[in-house]
Each structure stands twice: as C-alpha cells, then as structure tokens.
C-alpha cells in the first residue's frame, strides 16, 4: 500500500480581496480535484485573501499509480489560467514508513 501526498501553494488573482472571493476560486479547484478520487482540502493560508494552500492525498496499491494520480492533479491545477502555482511539495509513503 502506498500513499502519496501533495501540497499546492497557490497565488490567487489580484481581485481576491475578501475571503468570500477567495472561496469562489478555491471551491472549484477542490471540486475538480475530487473527480480524481483523492482526498483534498484547503489546509494553509486560510486567512490570507490572495493565497491558498491545498492538500491532496491518494492511497493506491502501487507507487506508480499513486504518483500518476498526483501528477494528474498537479497538471490540472497548474493548467488553470486564473491562478499561479507557486510550489508543490510531494511525499510518497510506503509500507516501510
């Protein structure tokens, strides 16, 4: 069993000046990622208007599948023209951890 986690540090558009506007960007990202059958939540920068930290996790029988799912999630987030993906931190956990 393998678990891969990723943290996406995202810069939101300049018009995100309130938490309500921020949520209007974050909710669709989370909904889109859930289609890949991952666990996903906003986990950091909760009170900042222009930033979002989104955590994603997947459990799979083999490491390659776990990496592939997180790769897909990363490409989907990076491909959104309305935001900038500042950094991604990933970690693979196996039975030996």
PDB file of N, CA and C in Angstrom:
ATOM      1  N   UNK A   1       0.849  -1.177   0.000  1.00  0.00           N
ATOM      2  CA  UNK A   1       0.000   0.000   0.000  1.00  0.00           C
ATOM      3  C   UNK A   1       0.894   1.238   0.000  1.00  0.00           C
ATOM      4  N   UNK A   2       0.522   2.213  -0.813  1.00  0.00           N
ATOM      5  CA  UNK A   2       1.268   3.461  -0.924  1.00  0.00           C
ATOM      6  C   UNK A   2       0.312   4.639  -0.790  1.00  0.00           C
ATOM      7  N   UNK A   3       0.793   5.666  -0.130  1.00  0.00           N
ATOM      8  CA  UNK A   3       0.051   6.911  -0.012  1.00  0.00           C
ATOM      9  C   UNK A   3       0.946   8.029  -0.525  1.00  0.00           C
ATOM     10  N   UNK A   4       0.440   8.816  -1.444  1.00  0.00           N
ATOM     11  CA  UNK A   4       1.187   9.990  -1.908  1.00  0.00           C
ATOM     12  C   UNK A   4       0.402  11.225  -1.505  1.00  0.00           C
ATOM     13  N   UNK A   5       1.139  12.177  -0.957  1.00  0.00           N
ATOM     14  CA  UNK A   5       0.530  13.444  -0.573  1.00  0.00           C
ATOM     15  C   UNK A   5       1.195  14.572  -1.344  1.00  0.00           C
ATOM     16  N   UNK A   6       0.445  15.639  -1.538  1.00  0.00           N
ATOM     17  CA  UNK A   6       0.978  16.827  -2.202  1.00  0.00           C
ATOM     18  C   UNK A   6       0.377  18.057  -1.555  1.00  0.00           C
ATOM     19  N   UNK A   7       1.185  19.104  -1.491  1.00  0.00           N
ATOM     20  CA  UNK A   7       0.722  20.402  -1.011  1.00  0.00           C
ATOM     21  C   UNK A   7       0.940  21.396  -2.135  1.00  0.00           C
ATOM     22  N   UNK A   8      -0.138  22.040  -2.572  1.00  0.00           N
ATOM     23  CA  UNK A   8      -0.079  23.045  -3.628  1.00  0.00           C
ATOM     24  C   UNK A   8      -0.183  24.432  -3.006  1.00  0.00           C
ATOM     25  N   UNK A   9       0.854  25.235  -3.198  1.00  0.00           N
ATOM     26  CA  UNK A   9       0.844  26.624  -2.732  1.00  0.00           C
ATOM     27  C   UNK A   9       0.433  27.477  -3.927  1.00  0.00           C
ATOM     28  N   UNK A  10      -0.710  28.140  -3.814  1.00  0.00           N
ATOM     29  CA  UNK A  10      -1.330  28.806  -4.953  1.00  0.00           C
ATOM     30  C   UNK A  10      -1.472  30.299  -4.698  1.00  0.00           C
ATOM     31  N   UNK A  11      -1.098  31.092  -5.708  1.00  0.00           N
ATOM     32  CA  UNK A  11      -1.326  32.535  -5.692  1.00  0.00           C
ATOM     33  C   UNK A  11      -2.601  32.799  -6.489  1.00  0.00           C
ATOM     34  N   UNK A  12      -3.540  33.445  -5.841  1.00  0.00           N
ATOM     35  CA  UNK A  12      -4.833  33.730  -6.469  1.00  0.00           C
ATOM     36  C   UNK A  12      -4.791  35.086  -7.164  1.00  0.00           C
ATOM     37  N   UNK A  13      -5.735  35.365  -8.050  1.00  0.00           N
ATOM     38  CA  UNK A  13      -5.751  36.640  -8.770  1.00  0.00           C
ATOM     39  C   UNK A  13      -5.851  37.837  -7.820  1.00  0.00           C
ATOM     40  N   UNK A  14      -5.412  38.979  -8.309  1.00  0.00           N
ATOM     41  CA  UNK A  14      -5.402  40.206  -7.516  1.00  0.00           C
ATOM     42  C   UNK A  14      -6.769  40.675  -7.071  1.00  0.00           C
ATOM     43  N   UNK A  15      -7.831  40.254  -7.745  1.00  0.00           N
ATOM     44  CA  UNK A  15      -9.167  40.698  -7.345  1.00  0.00           C
ATOM     45  C   UNK A  15      -9.708  39.890  -6.164  1.00  0.00           C
ATOM     46  N   UNK A  16      -8.914  38.977  -5.648  1.00  0.00           N
ATOM     47  CA  UNK A  16      -9.324  38.178  -4.497  1.00  0.00           C
ATOM     48  C   UNK A  16      -9.020  38.974  -3.219  1.00  0.00           C
ATOM     49  N   UNK A  17      -9.894  39.923  -2.903  1.00  0.00           N
ATOM     50  CA  UNK A  17      -9.654  40.850  -1.788  1.00  0.00           C
ATOM     51  C   UNK A  17     -10.478  40.530  -0.549  1.00  0.00           C
ATOM     52  N   UNK A  18     -11.243  39.466  -0.611  1.00  0.00           N
ATOM     53  CA  UNK A  18     -12.023  39.064   0.560  1.00  0.00           C
ATOM     54  C   UNK A  18     -12.011  37.540   0.628  1.00  0.00           C
ATOM     55  N   UNK A  19     -12.331  37.019   1.790  1.00  0.00           N
ATOM     56  CA  UNK A  19     -12.388  35.570   1.924  1.00  0.00           C
ATOM     57  C   UNK A  19     -13.498  34.977   1.059  1.00  0.00           C
ATOM     58  N   UNK A  20     -14.571  35.739   0.862  1.00  0.00           N
ATOM     59  CA  UNK A  20     -15.658  35.268   0.007  1.00  0.00           C
ATOM     60  C   UNK A  20     -15.176  35.119  -1.442  1.00  0.00           C
ATOM     61  N   UNK A  21     -14.419  36.094  -1.932  1.00  0.00           N
ATOM     62  CA  UNK A  21     -13.876  35.999  -3.286  1.00  0.00           C
ATOM     63  C   UNK A  21     -12.861  34.864  -3.380  1.00  0.00           C
ATOM     64  N   UNK A  22     -12.058  34.713  -2.325  1.00  0.00           N
ATOM     65  CA  UNK A  22     -11.079  33.624  -2.298  1.00  0.00           C
ATOM     66  C   UNK A  22     -11.788  32.281  -2.445  1.00  0.00           C
ATOM     67  N   UNK A  23     -12.846  32.076  -1.700  1.00  0.00           N
ATOM     68  CA  UNK A  23     -13.586  30.820  -1.754  1.00  0.00           C
ATOM     69  C   UNK A  23     -14.158  30.559  -3.142  1.00  0.00           C
ATOM     70  N   UNK A  24     -14.485  31.631  -3.861  1.00  0.00           N
ATOM     71  CA  UNK A  24     -15.020  31.448  -5.214  1.00  0.00           C
ATOM     72  C   UNK A  24     -13.963  30.889  -6.169  1.00  0.00           C
ATOM     73  N   UNK A  25     -12.683  31.020  -5.842  1.00  0.00           N
ATOM     74  CA  UNK A  25     -11.612  30.401  -6.620  1.00  0.00           C
ATOM     75  C   UNK A  25     -11.274  29.007  -6.093  1.00  0.00           C
ATOM     76  N   UNK A  26     -11.259  28.863  -4.764  1.00  0.00           N
ATOM     77  CA  UNK A  26     -10.805  27.613  -4.145  1.00  0.00           C
ATOM     78  C   UNK A  26     -11.826  26.482  -4.313  1.00  0.00           C
ATOM     79  N   UNK A  27     -13.093  26.773  -4.136  1.00  0.00           N
ATOM     80  CA  UNK A  27     -14.123  25.713  -4.232  1.00  0.00           C
ATOM     81  C   UNK A  27     -14.104  24.970  -5.562  1.00  0.00           C
ATOM     82  N   UNK A  28     -14.030  25.662  -6.705  1.00  0.00           N
ATOM     83  CA  UNK A  28     -13.992  24.927  -7.975  1.00  0.00           C
ATOM     84  C   UNK A  28     -12.733  24.068  -8.145  1.00  0.00           C
ATOM     85  N   UNK A  29     -11.607  24.520  -7.584  1.00  0.00           N
ATOM     86  CA  UNK A  29     -10.377  23.733  -7.658  1.00  0.00           C
ATOM     87  C   UNK A  29     -10.555  22.436  -6.878  1.00  0.00           C
ATOM     88  N   UNK A  30     -11.081  22.548  -5.673  1.00  0.00           N
ATOM     89  CA  UNK A  30     -11.296  21.368  -4.835  1.00  0.00           C
ATOM     90  C   UNK A  30     -12.294  20.418  -5.493  1.00  0.00           C
ATOM     91  N   UNK A  31     -13.361  20.949  -6.041  1.00  0.00           N
ATOM     92  CA  UNK A  31     -14.364  20.106  -6.719  1.00  0.00           C
ATOM     93  C   UNK A  31     -13.753  19.386  -7.919  1.00  0.00           C
ATOM     94  N   UNK A  32     -12.907  20.078  -8.670  1.00  0.00           N
ATOM     95  CA  UNK A  32     -12.271  19.472  -9.834  1.00  0.00           C
ATOM     96  C   UNK A  32     -11.325  18.349  -9.404  1.00  0.00           C
ATOM     97  N   UNK A  33     -10.569  18.558  -8.335  1.00  0.00           N
ATOM     98  CA  UNK A  33      -9.627  17.544  -7.873  1.00  0.00           C
ATOM     99  C   UNK A  33     -10.340  16.305  -7.325  1.00  0.00           C
ATOM    100  N   UNK A  34     -11.489  16.491  -6.727  1.00  0.00           N
ATOM    101  CA  UNK A  34     -12.234  15.348  -6.182  1.00  0.00           C
ATOM    102  C   UNK A  34     -12.658  14.363  -7.268  1.00  0.00           C
ATOM    103  N   UNK A  35     -12.740  14.821  -8.500  1.00  0.00           N
ATOM    104  CA  UNK A  35     -13.097  13.928  -9.608  1.00  0.00           C
ATOM    105  C   UNK A  35     -12.050  12.844  -9.828  1.00  0.00           C
ATOM    106  N   UNK A  36     -10.841  13.054  -9.301  1.00  0.00           N
ATOM    107  CA  UNK A  36      -9.757  12.075  -9.435  1.00  0.00           C
ATOM    108  C   UNK A  36      -9.709  11.124  -8.242  1.00  0.00           C
ATOM    109  N   UNK A  37     -10.772  11.112  -7.444  1.00  0.00           N
ATOM    110  CA  UNK A  37     -10.922  10.222  -6.298  1.00  0.00           C
ATOM    111  C   UNK A  37      -9.762  10.349  -5.306  1.00  0.00           C
ATOM    112  N   UNK A  38      -9.444  11.608  -4.962  1.00  0.00           N
ATOM    113  CA  UNK A  38      -8.433  11.913  -3.963  1.00  0.00           C
ATOM    114  C   UNK A  38      -9.110  12.591  -2.777  1.00  0.00           C
ATOM    115  N   UNK A  39      -8.406  12.600  -1.668  1.00  0.00           N
ATOM    116  CA  UNK A  39      -8.840  13.428  -0.542  1.00  0.00           C
ATOM    117  C   UNK A  39      -8.204  14.783  -0.740  1.00  0.00           C
ATOM    118  N   UNK A  40      -8.993  15.835  -0.588  1.00  0.00           N
ATOM    119  CA  UNK A  40      -8.475  17.177  -0.850  1.00  0.00           C
ATOM    120  C   UNK A  40      -9.139  18.172   0.087  1.00  0.00           C
ATOM    121  N   UNK A  41      -8.341  19.164   0.543  1.00  0.00           N
ATOM    122  CA  UNK A  41      -8.870  20.204   1.416  1.00  0.00           C
ATOM    123  C   UNK A  41      -7.952  21.416   1.370  1.00  0.00           C
ATOM    124  N   UNK A  42      -8.519  22.561   1.660  1.00  0.00           N
ATOM    125  CA  UNK A  42      -7.700  23.758   1.863  1.00  0.00           C
ATOM    126  C   UNK A  42      -7.097  23.626   3.254  1.00  0.00           C
ATOM    127  N   UNK A  43      -5.768  23.624   3.333  1.00  0.00           N
ATOM    128  CA  UNK A  43      -5.100  23.323   4.595  1.00  0.00           C
ATOM    129  C   UNK A  43      -4.168  24.422   5.096  1.00  0.00           C
ATOM    130  N   UNK A  44      -3.910  25.444   4.320  1.00  0.00           N
ATOM    131  CA  UNK A  44      -2.992  26.507   4.734  1.00  0.00           C
ATOM    132  C   UNK A  44      -3.415  27.825   4.097  1.00  0.00           C
ATOM    133  N   UNK A  45      -2.896  28.899   4.646  1.00  0.00           N
ATOM    134  CA  UNK A  45      -3.209  30.266   4.198  1.00  0.00           C
ATOM    135  C   UNK A  45      -4.710  30.542   4.297  1.00  0.00           C
ATOM    136  N   UNK A  46      -5.327  30.002   5.316  1.00  0.00           N
ATOM    137  CA  UNK A  46      -6.784  30.089   5.444  1.00  0.00           C
ATOM    138  C   UNK A  46      -7.296  31.518   5.588  1.00  0.00           C
ATOM    139  N   UNK A  47      -6.521  32.386   6.199  1.00  0.00           N
ATOM    140  CA  UNK A  47      -6.969  33.762   6.426  1.00  0.00           C
ATOM    141  C   UNK A  47      -6.371  34.763   5.445  1.00  0.00           C
ATOM    142  N   UNK A  48      -5.541  34.309   4.532  1.00  0.00           N
ATOM    143  CA  UNK A  48      -4.964  35.195   3.520  1.00  0.00           C
ATOM    144  C   UNK A  48      -5.875  35.236   2.307  1.00  0.00           C
ATOM    145  N   UNK A  49      -6.107  36.428   1.798  1.00  0.00           N
ATOM    146  CA  UNK A  49      -7.033  36.573   0.666  1.00  0.00           C
ATOM    147  C   UNK A  49      -6.429  36.127  -0.654  1.00  0.00           C
ATOM    148  N   UNK A  50      -5.144  36.364  -0.855  1.00  0.00           N
ATOM    149  CA  UNK A  50      -4.542  36.118  -2.157  1.00  0.00           C
ATOM    150  C   UNK A  50      -3.795  34.816  -2.292  1.00  0.00           C
ATOM    151  N   UNK A  51      -3.811  33.978  -1.274  1.00  0.00           N
ATOM    152  CA  UNK A  51      -3.081  32.707  -1.310  1.00  0.00           C
ATOM    153  C   UNK A  51      -3.977  31.571  -0.848  1.00  0.00           C
ATOM    154  N   UNK A  52      -3.665  30.376  -1.313  1.00  0.00           N
ATOM    155  CA  UNK A  52      -4.367  29.177  -0.856  1.00  0.00           C
ATOM    156  C   UNK A  52      -3.363  28.042  -0.783  1.00  0.00           C
ATOM    157  N   UNK A  53      -3.496  27.232   0.233  1.00  0.00           N
ATOM    158  CA  UNK A  53      -2.697  26.024   0.368  1.00  0.00           C
ATOM    159  C   UNK A  53      -3.640  24.832   0.327  1.00  0.00           C
ATOM    160  N   UNK A  54      -3.506  24.002  -0.696  1.00  0.00           N
ATOM    161  CA  UNK A  54      -4.413  22.879  -0.878  1.00  0.00           C
ATOM    162  C   UNK A  54      -3.629  21.585  -0.727  1.00  0.00           C
ATOM    163  N   UNK A  55      -4.131  20.707   0.138  1.00  0.00           N
ATOM    164  CA  UNK A  55      -3.522  19.410   0.352  1.00  0.00           C
ATOM    165  C   UNK A  55      -4.302  18.329  -0.366  1.00  0.00           C
ATOM    166  N   UNK A  56      -3.571  17.389  -0.968  1.00  0.00           N
ATOM    167  CA  UNK A  56      -4.168  16.297  -1.723  1.00  0.00           C
ATOM    168  C   UNK A  56      -3.498  14.996  -1.288  1.00  0.00           C
ATOM    169  N   UNK A  57      -4.275  13.934  -1.160  1.00  0.00           N
ATOM    170  CA  UNK A  57      -3.724  12.624  -0.804  1.00  0.00           C
ATOM    171  C   UNK A  57      -4.451  11.527  -1.570  1.00  0.00           C
ATOM    172  N   UNK A  58      -3.699  10.484  -1.908  1.00  0.00           N
ATOM    173  CA  UNK A  58      -4.264   9.324  -2.590  1.00  0.00           C
ATOM    174  C   UNK A  58      -3.633   8.061  -2.012  1.00  0.00           C
ATOM    175  N   UNK A  59      -4.425   7.009  -1.920  1.00  0.00           N
ATOM    176  CA  UNK A  59      -3.949   5.695  -1.485  1.00  0.00           C
ATOM    177  C   UNK A  59      -4.089   4.749  -2.675  1.00  0.00           C
ATOM    178  N   UNK A  60      -3.012   3.979  -2.929  1.00  0.00           N
ATOM    179  CA  UNK A  60      -3.025   3.062  -4.071  1.00  0.00           C
ATOM    180  C   UNK A  60      -2.236   1.802  -3.738  1.00  0.00           C
ATOM    181  N   UNK A  61      -2.459   0.777  -4.529  1.00  0.00           N
ATOM    182  CA  UNK A  61      -1.776  -0.498  -4.323  1.00  0.00           C
ATOM    183  C   UNK A  61      -0.312  -0.440  -4.755  1.00  0.00           C
ATOM    184  N   UNK A  62       0.009   0.433  -5.718  1.00  0.00           N
ATOM    185  CA  UNK A  62       1.405   0.540  -6.148  1.00  0.00           C
ATOM    186  C   UNK A  62       1.812   2.003  -6.253  1.00  0.00           C
ATOM    187  N   UNK A  63       3.104   2.231  -6.131  1.00  0.00           N
ATOM    188  CA  UNK A  63       3.642   3.594  -6.099  1.00  0.00           C
ATOM    189  C   UNK A  63       3.404   4.330  -7.410  1.00  0.00           C
ATOM    190  N   UNK A  64       3.515   3.626  -8.525  1.00  0.00           N
ATOM    191  CA  UNK A  64       3.335   4.260  -9.828  1.00  0.00           C
ATOM    192  C   UNK A  64       1.943   4.831 -10.009  1.00  0.00           C
ATOM    193  N   UNK A  65       0.953   4.101  -9.552  1.00  0.00           N
ATOM    194  CA  UNK A  65      -0.412   4.597  -9.667  1.00  0.00           C
ATOM    195  C   UNK A  65      -0.615   5.831  -8.783  1.00  0.00           C
ATOM    196  N   UNK A  66      -0.096   5.791  -7.564  1.00  0.00           N
ATOM    197  CA  UNK A  66      -0.225   6.943  -6.654  1.00  0.00           C
ATOM    198  C   UNK A  66       0.442   8.171  -7.264  1.00  0.00           C
ATOM    199  N   UNK A  67       1.647   7.995  -7.805  1.00  0.00           N
ATOM    200  CA  UNK A  67       2.343   9.123  -8.445  1.00  0.00           C
ATOM    201  C   UNK A  67       1.553   9.653  -9.637  1.00  0.00           C
ATOM    202  N   UNK A  68       1.002   8.750 -10.422  1.00  0.00           N
ATOM    203  CA  UNK A  68       0.245   9.166 -11.603  1.00  0.00           C
ATOM    204  C   UNK A  68      -0.973  10.006 -11.259  1.00  0.00           C
ATOM    205  N   UNK A  69      -1.681   9.620 -10.218  1.00  0.00           N
ATOM    206  CA  UNK A  69      -2.864  10.384  -9.807  1.00  0.00           C
ATOM    207  C   UNK A  69      -2.451  11.785  -9.345  1.00  0.00           C
ATOM    208  N   UNK A  70      -1.403  11.862  -8.537  1.00  0.00           N
ATOM    209  CA  UNK A  70      -0.955  13.182  -8.049  1.00  0.00           C
ATOM    210  C   UNK A  70      -0.374  14.000  -9.194  1.00  0.00           C
ATOM    211  N   UNK A  71       0.310  13.365 -10.150  1.00  0.00           N
ATOM    212  CA  UNK A  71       0.793  14.080 -11.345  1.00  0.00           C
ATOM    213  C   UNK A  71      -0.372  14.730 -12.078  1.00  0.00           C
ATOM    214  N   UNK A  72      -1.447  13.975 -12.250  1.00  0.00           N
ATOM    215  CA  UNK A  72      -2.632  14.486 -12.930  1.00  0.00           C
ATOM    216  C   UNK A  72      -3.210  15.681 -12.182  1.00  0.00           C
ATOM    217  N   UNK A  73      -3.313  15.566 -10.867  1.00  0.00           N
ATOM    218  CA  UNK A  73      -3.834  16.675 -10.054  1.00  0.00           C
ATOM    219  C   UNK A  73      -2.957  17.917 -10.202  1.00  0.00           C
ATOM    220  N   UNK A  74      -1.644  17.707 -10.154  1.00  0.00           N
ATOM    221  CA  UNK A  74      -0.718  18.842 -10.284  1.00  0.00           C
ATOM    222  C   UNK A  74      -0.869  19.519 -11.637  1.00  0.00           C
ATOM    223  N   UNK A  75      -0.955  18.736 -12.702  1.00  0.00           N
ATOM    224  CA  UNK A  75      -1.109  19.316 -14.038  1.00  0.00           C
ATOM    225  C   UNK A  75      -2.431  20.073 -14.184  1.00  0.00           C
ATOM    226  N   UNK A  76      -3.484  19.567 -13.572  1.00  0.00           N
ATOM    227  CA  UNK A  76      -4.782  20.241 -13.634  1.00  0.00           C
ATOM    228  C   UNK A  76      -4.734  21.592 -12.914  1.00  0.00           C
ATOM    229  N   UNK A  77      -4.107  21.622 -11.755  1.00  0.00           N
ATOM    230  CA  UNK A  77      -4.009  22.885 -11.009  1.00  0.00           C
ATOM    231  C   UNK A  77      -3.091  23.859 -11.750  1.00  0.00           C
ATOM    232  N   UNK A  78      -1.953  23.381 -12.221  1.00  0.00           N
ATOM    233  CA  UNK A  78      -1.007  24.243 -12.937  1.00  0.00           C
ATOM    234  C   UNK A  78      -1.597  24.795 -14.229  1.00  0.00           C
ATOM    235  N   UNK A  79      -2.519  24.078 -14.827  1.00  0.00           N
ATOM    236  CA  UNK A  79      -3.114  24.499 -16.095  1.00  0.00           C
ATOM    237  C   UNK A  79      -4.232  25.517 -15.975  1.00  0.00           C
ATOM    238  N   UNK A  80      -4.594  25.884 -14.760  1.00  0.00           N
ATOM    239  CA  UNK A  80      -5.679  26.865 -14.593  1.00  0.00           C
ATOM    240  C   UNK A  80      -5.123  28.269 -14.833  1.00  0.00           C
ATOM    241  N   UNK A  81      -5.629  28.970 -15.835  1.00  0.00           N
ATOM    242  CA  UNK A  81      -5.051  30.268 -16.203  1.00  0.00           C
ATOM    243  C   UNK A  81      -5.301  31.378 -15.190  1.00  0.00           C
ATOM    244  N   UNK A  82      -6.295  31.221 -14.316  1.00  0.00           N
ATOM    245  CA  UNK A  82      -6.636  32.304 -13.393  1.00  0.00           C
ATOM    246  C   UNK A  82      -5.763  32.338 -12.146  1.00  0.00           C
ATOM    247  N   UNK A  83      -4.876  31.348 -11.978  1.00  0.00           N
ATOM    248  CA  UNK A  83      -4.045  31.326 -10.775  1.00  0.00           C
ATOM    249  C   UNK A  83      -2.616  30.958 -11.132  1.00  0.00           C
ATOM    250  N   UNK A  84      -1.723  31.089 -10.136  1.00  0.00           N
ATOM    251  CA  UNK A  84      -0.323  30.726 -10.320  1.00  0.00           C
ATOM    252  C   UNK A  84       0.054  29.692  -9.262  1.00  0.00           C
ATOM    253  N   UNK A  85       0.552  28.560  -9.709  1.00  0.00           N
ATOM    254  CA  UNK A  85       1.010  27.521  -8.800  1.00  0.00           C
ATOM    255  C   UNK A  85       2.437  27.872  -8.390  1.00  0.00           C
ATOM    256  N   UNK A  86       2.608  28.327  -7.139  1.00  0.00           N
ATOM    257  CA  UNK A  86       3.910  28.783  -6.670  1.00  0.00           C
ATOM    258  C   UNK A  86       4.863  27.632  -6.378  1.00  0.00           C
ATOM    259  N   UNK A  87       4.369  26.601  -5.715  1.00  0.00           N
ATOM    260  CA  UNK A  87       5.224  25.460  -5.403  1.00  0.00           C
ATOM    261  C   UNK A  87       4.364  24.237  -5.120  1.00  0.00           C
ATOM    262  N   UNK A  88       5.011  23.093  -5.222  1.00  0.00           N
ATOM    263  CA  UNK A  88       4.375  21.813  -4.919  1.00  0.00           C
ATOM    264  C   UNK A  88       5.349  21.017  -4.061  1.00  0.00           C
ATOM    265  N   UNK A  89       4.854  20.531  -2.937  1.00  0.00           N
ATOM    266  CA  UNK A  89       5.641  19.628  -2.089  1.00  0.00           C
ATOM    267  C   UNK A  89       4.950  18.272  -2.103  1.00  0.00           C
ATOM    268  N   UNK A  90       5.702  17.244  -2.469  1.00  0.00           N
ATOM    269  CA  UNK A  90       5.124  15.899  -2.586  1.00  0.00           C
ATOM    270  C   UNK A  90       5.897  14.931  -1.699  1.00  0.00           C
ATOM    271  N   UNK A  91       5.182  13.906  -1.254  1.00  0.00           N
ATOM    272  CA  UNK A  91       5.827  12.864  -0.455  1.00  0.00           C
ATOM    273  C   UNK A  91       5.104  11.546  -0.688  1.00  0.00           C
ATOM    274  N   UNK A  92       5.899  10.491  -0.901  1.00  0.00           N
ATOM    275  CA  UNK A  92       5.369   9.150  -1.080  1.00  0.00           C
ATOM    276  C   UNK A  92       5.641   8.361   0.192  1.00  0.00           C
ATOM    277  N   UNK A  93       4.598   7.746   0.725  1.00  0.00           N
ATOM    278  CA  UNK A  93       4.693   6.928   1.931  1.00  0.00           C
ATOM    279  C   UNK A  93       4.394   5.488   1.535  1.00  0.00           C
ATOM    280  N   UNK A  94       5.262   4.568   1.941  1.00  0.00           N
ATOM    281  CA  UNK A  94       5.056   3.156   1.641  1.00  0.00           C
ATOM    282  C   UNK A  94       4.885   2.346   2.909  1.00  0.00           C
ATOM    283  N   UNK A  95       4.789   1.039   2.753  1.00  0.00           N
ATOM    284  CA  UNK A  95       4.638   0.148   3.892  1.00  0.00           C
ATOM    285  C   UNK A  95       5.818   0.227   4.853  1.00  0.00           C
ATOM    286  N   UNK A  96       6.976   0.607   4.365  1.00  0.00           N
ATOM    287  CA  UNK A  96       8.181   0.655   5.193  1.00  0.00           C
ATOM    288  C   UNK A  96       8.257   1.871   6.090  1.00  0.00           C
ATOM    289  N   UNK A  97       7.401   2.864   5.868  1.00  0.00           N
ATOM    290  CA  UNK A  97       7.468   4.113   6.652  1.00  0.00           C
ATOM    291  C   UNK A  97       6.903   3.923   8.036  1.00  0.00           C
TER     292      UNK A  97
END
